[in-house]
Amino acid sequence: MGKYIMLSNLTDEGRRTIKMRPDRINEVNRELEEMGAKVKAQYAVLGPYDFVNIVDAPDNETIMKIVIELGSRGTIHIETLAAIPIDEFEESLKSK
């Protein structure tokens, strides 16, 4: 499983949805699981983003499918970063 950082901002419509139905956040997390990913950690944050999620997914294609699906709803903008655990990163440097 790969690790991904998902940085997201709600649109005006997304803010209205969350205000009226805060439980929608957990519903979306369950949808991610149905699409093959698992939210490992989730934070509402202050600053340039509204949420930071740490997600496990089998591959880039799965994350791409999720980002397209969620973004097409018009409630959120997502920036996704592939994350490499430090121990794996260090090991890859040693083997070269």
C-alpha atoms as a PDB file:
ATOM      1  CA  MET A   1       0.000   0.000   0.000  1.00  0.00           C
ATOM      2  CA  GLY A   2       1.194   3.476  -0.837  1.00  0.00           C
ATOM      3  CA  LYS A   3       0.756   6.464   1.436  1.00  0.00           C
ATOM      4  CA  TYR A   4      -0.709   9.700   0.181  1.00  0.00           C
ATOM      5  CA  ILE A   5      -1.245  13.147   1.673  1.00  0.00           C
ATOM      6  CA  MET A   6      -4.480  14.748   0.508  1.00  0.00           C
ATOM      7  CA  LEU A   7      -4.711  18.512   1.041  1.00  0.00           C
ATOM      8  CA  SER A   8      -8.209  19.800   0.409  1.00  0.00           C
ATOM      9  CA  ASN A   9     -10.256  22.967   0.290  1.00  0.00           C
ATOM     10  CA  LEU A  10     -14.014  23.095   0.397  1.00  0.00           C
ATOM     11  CA  THR A  11     -15.881  25.060  -2.247  1.00  0.00           C
ATOM     12  CA  ASP A  12     -18.784  27.299  -1.201  1.00  0.00           C
ATOM     13  CA  GLU A  13     -21.115  24.374  -1.870  1.00  0.00           C
ATOM     14  CA  GLY A  14     -18.893  22.077   0.201  1.00  0.00           C
ATOM     15  CA  ARG A  15     -18.960  24.487   3.145  1.00  0.00           C
ATOM     16  CA  ARG A  16     -22.752  24.618   2.995  1.00  0.00           C
ATOM     17  CA  THR A  17     -22.918  20.807   2.942  1.00  0.00           C
ATOM     18  CA  ILE A  18     -20.566  20.407   5.925  1.00  0.00           C
ATOM     19  CA  LYS A  19     -22.403  23.080   7.893  1.00  0.00           C
ATOM     20  CA  MET A  20     -25.760  21.365   7.366  1.00  0.00           C
ATOM     21  CA  ARG A  21     -24.402  17.794   7.601  1.00  0.00           C
ATOM     22  CA  PRO A  22     -21.074  17.490   9.460  1.00  0.00           C
ATOM     23  CA  ASP A  23     -21.437  13.699   9.351  1.00  0.00           C
ATOM     24  CA  ARG A  24     -20.877  13.915   5.579  1.00  0.00           C
ATOM     25  CA  ILE A  25     -17.135  13.809   6.273  1.00  0.00           C
ATOM     26  CA  ASN A  26     -17.350  10.256   7.649  1.00  0.00           C
ATOM     27  CA  GLU A  27     -19.663   9.240   4.801  1.00  0.00           C
ATOM     28  CA  VAL A  28     -17.010  10.321   2.303  1.00  0.00           C
ATOM     29  CA  ASN A  29     -14.367   8.370   4.257  1.00  0.00           C
ATOM     30  CA  ARG A  30     -16.500   5.243   3.848  1.00  0.00           C
ATOM     31  CA  GLU A  31     -16.803   5.974   0.123  1.00  0.00           C
ATOM     32  CA  LEU A  32     -12.999   6.092  -0.118  1.00  0.00           C
ATOM     33  CA  GLU A  33     -12.863   2.626   1.443  1.00  0.00           C
ATOM     34  CA  GLU A  34     -15.335   1.361  -1.150  1.00  0.00           C
ATOM     35  CA  MET A  35     -13.015   2.770  -3.844  1.00  0.00           C
ATOM     36  CA  GLY A  36     -10.025   0.906  -2.402  1.00  0.00           C
ATOM     37  CA  ALA A  37      -8.353   3.427  -0.069  1.00  0.00           C
ATOM     38  CA  LYS A  38      -8.320   3.887   3.698  1.00  0.00           C
ATOM     39  CA  VAL A  39      -8.146   7.169   5.597  1.00  0.00           C
ATOM     40  CA  LYS A  40      -5.462   6.638   8.268  1.00  0.00           C
ATOM     41  CA  ALA A  41      -5.612  10.137   9.792  1.00  0.00           C
ATOM     42  CA  GLN A  42      -7.701  13.224   9.153  1.00  0.00           C
ATOM     43  CA  TYR A  43      -7.394  16.775  10.407  1.00  0.00           C
ATOM     44  CA  ALA A  44      -9.350  19.975   9.975  1.00  0.00           C
ATOM     45  CA  VAL A  45      -6.676  22.664   9.755  1.00  0.00           C
ATOM     46  CA  LEU A  46      -6.292  26.423   9.781  1.00  0.00           C
ATOM     47  CA  GLY A  47      -4.347  28.083   6.999  1.00  0.00           C
ATOM     48  CA  PRO A  48      -4.356  27.586   3.241  1.00  0.00           C
ATOM     49  CA  TYR A  49      -6.152  24.205   3.419  1.00  0.00           C
ATOM     50  CA  ASP A  50      -9.334  23.084   5.172  1.00  0.00           C
ATOM     51  CA  PHE A  51      -8.379  19.421   5.667  1.00  0.00           C
ATOM     52  CA  VAL A  52      -5.297  17.215   5.659  1.00  0.00           C
ATOM     53  CA  ASN A  53      -5.820  13.487   5.186  1.00  0.00           C
ATOM     54  CA  ILE A  54      -3.293  10.666   5.337  1.00  0.00           C
ATOM     55  CA  VAL A  55      -4.545   7.899   3.070  1.00  0.00           C
ATOM     56  CA  ASP A  56      -3.364   4.380   2.210  1.00  0.00           C
ATOM     57  CA  ALA A  57      -4.106   3.183  -1.317  1.00  0.00           C
ATOM     58  CA  PRO A  58      -2.770   0.356  -3.456  1.00  0.00           C
ATOM     59  CA  ASP A  59      -1.517   2.580  -6.282  1.00  0.00           C
ATOM     60  CA  ASN A  60      -1.541   5.984  -7.987  1.00  0.00           C
ATOM     61  CA  GLU A  61      -4.412   4.961 -10.238  1.00  0.00           C
ATOM     62  CA  THR A  62      -6.692   4.358  -7.241  1.00  0.00           C
ATOM     63  CA  ILE A  63      -5.886   7.784  -5.788  1.00  0.00           C
ATOM     64  CA  MET A  64      -6.388   9.401  -9.184  1.00  0.00           C
ATOM     65  CA  LYS A  65      -9.822   7.780  -9.486  1.00  0.00           C
ATOM     66  CA  ILE A  66     -10.760   9.016  -6.000  1.00  0.00           C
ATOM     67  CA  VAL A  67      -9.580  12.579  -6.638  1.00  0.00           C
ATOM     68  CA  ILE A  68     -11.491  12.745  -9.927  1.00  0.00           C
ATOM     69  CA  GLU A  69     -14.649  11.321  -8.339  1.00  0.00           C
ATOM     70  CA  LEU A  70     -14.597  13.659  -5.333  1.00  0.00           C
ATOM     71  CA  GLY A  71     -13.561  16.709  -7.345  1.00  0.00           C
ATOM     72  CA  SER A  72     -16.272  16.165  -9.953  1.00  0.00           C
ATOM     73  CA  ARG A  73     -18.925  16.734  -7.286  1.00  0.00           C
ATOM     74  CA  GLY A  74     -18.056  20.421  -7.060  1.00  0.00           C
ATOM     75  CA  THR A  75     -17.685  20.484  -3.277  1.00  0.00           C
ATOM     76  CA  ILE A  76     -13.919  20.148  -2.861  1.00  0.00           C
ATOM     77  CA  HIS A  77     -10.554  20.868  -4.484  1.00  0.00           C
ATOM     78  CA  ILE A  78      -7.829  18.325  -3.692  1.00  0.00           C
ATOM     79  CA  GLU A  79      -4.057  18.391  -3.987  1.00  0.00           C
ATOM     80  CA  THR A  80      -2.486  14.948  -3.557  1.00  0.00           C
ATOM     81  CA  LEU A  81       1.097  14.105  -2.665  1.00  0.00           C
ATOM     82  CA  ALA A  82       2.649  10.642  -2.731  1.00  0.00           C
ATOM     83  CA  ALA A  83       4.407  10.091   0.617  1.00  0.00           C
ATOM     84  CA  ILE A  84       7.463   7.906   1.169  1.00  0.00           C
ATOM     85  CA  PRO A  85       8.110   6.760   4.740  1.00  0.00           C
ATOM     86  CA  ILE A  86      11.524   8.003   5.905  1.00  0.00           C
ATOM     87  CA  ASP A  87      12.922   4.511   6.516  1.00  0.00           C
ATOM     88  CA  GLU A  88      12.062   3.501   2.933  1.00  0.00           C
ATOM     89  CA  PHE A  89      13.493   6.774   1.629  1.00  0.00           C
ATOM     90  CA  GLU A  90      16.770   6.276   3.524  1.00  0.00           C
ATOM     91  CA  GLU A  91      17.029   2.661   2.369  1.00  0.00           C
ATOM     92  CA  SER A  92      16.535   3.661  -1.262  1.00  0.00           C
ATOM     93  CA  LEU A  93      19.418   6.142  -0.950  1.00  0.00           C
ATOM     94  CA  LYS A  94      21.738   3.505   0.516  1.00  0.00           C
ATOM     95  CA  SER A  95      21.121   1.014  -2.278  1.00  0.00           C
ATOM     96  CA  LYS A  96      22.201   3.397  -5.045  1.00  0.00           C
END
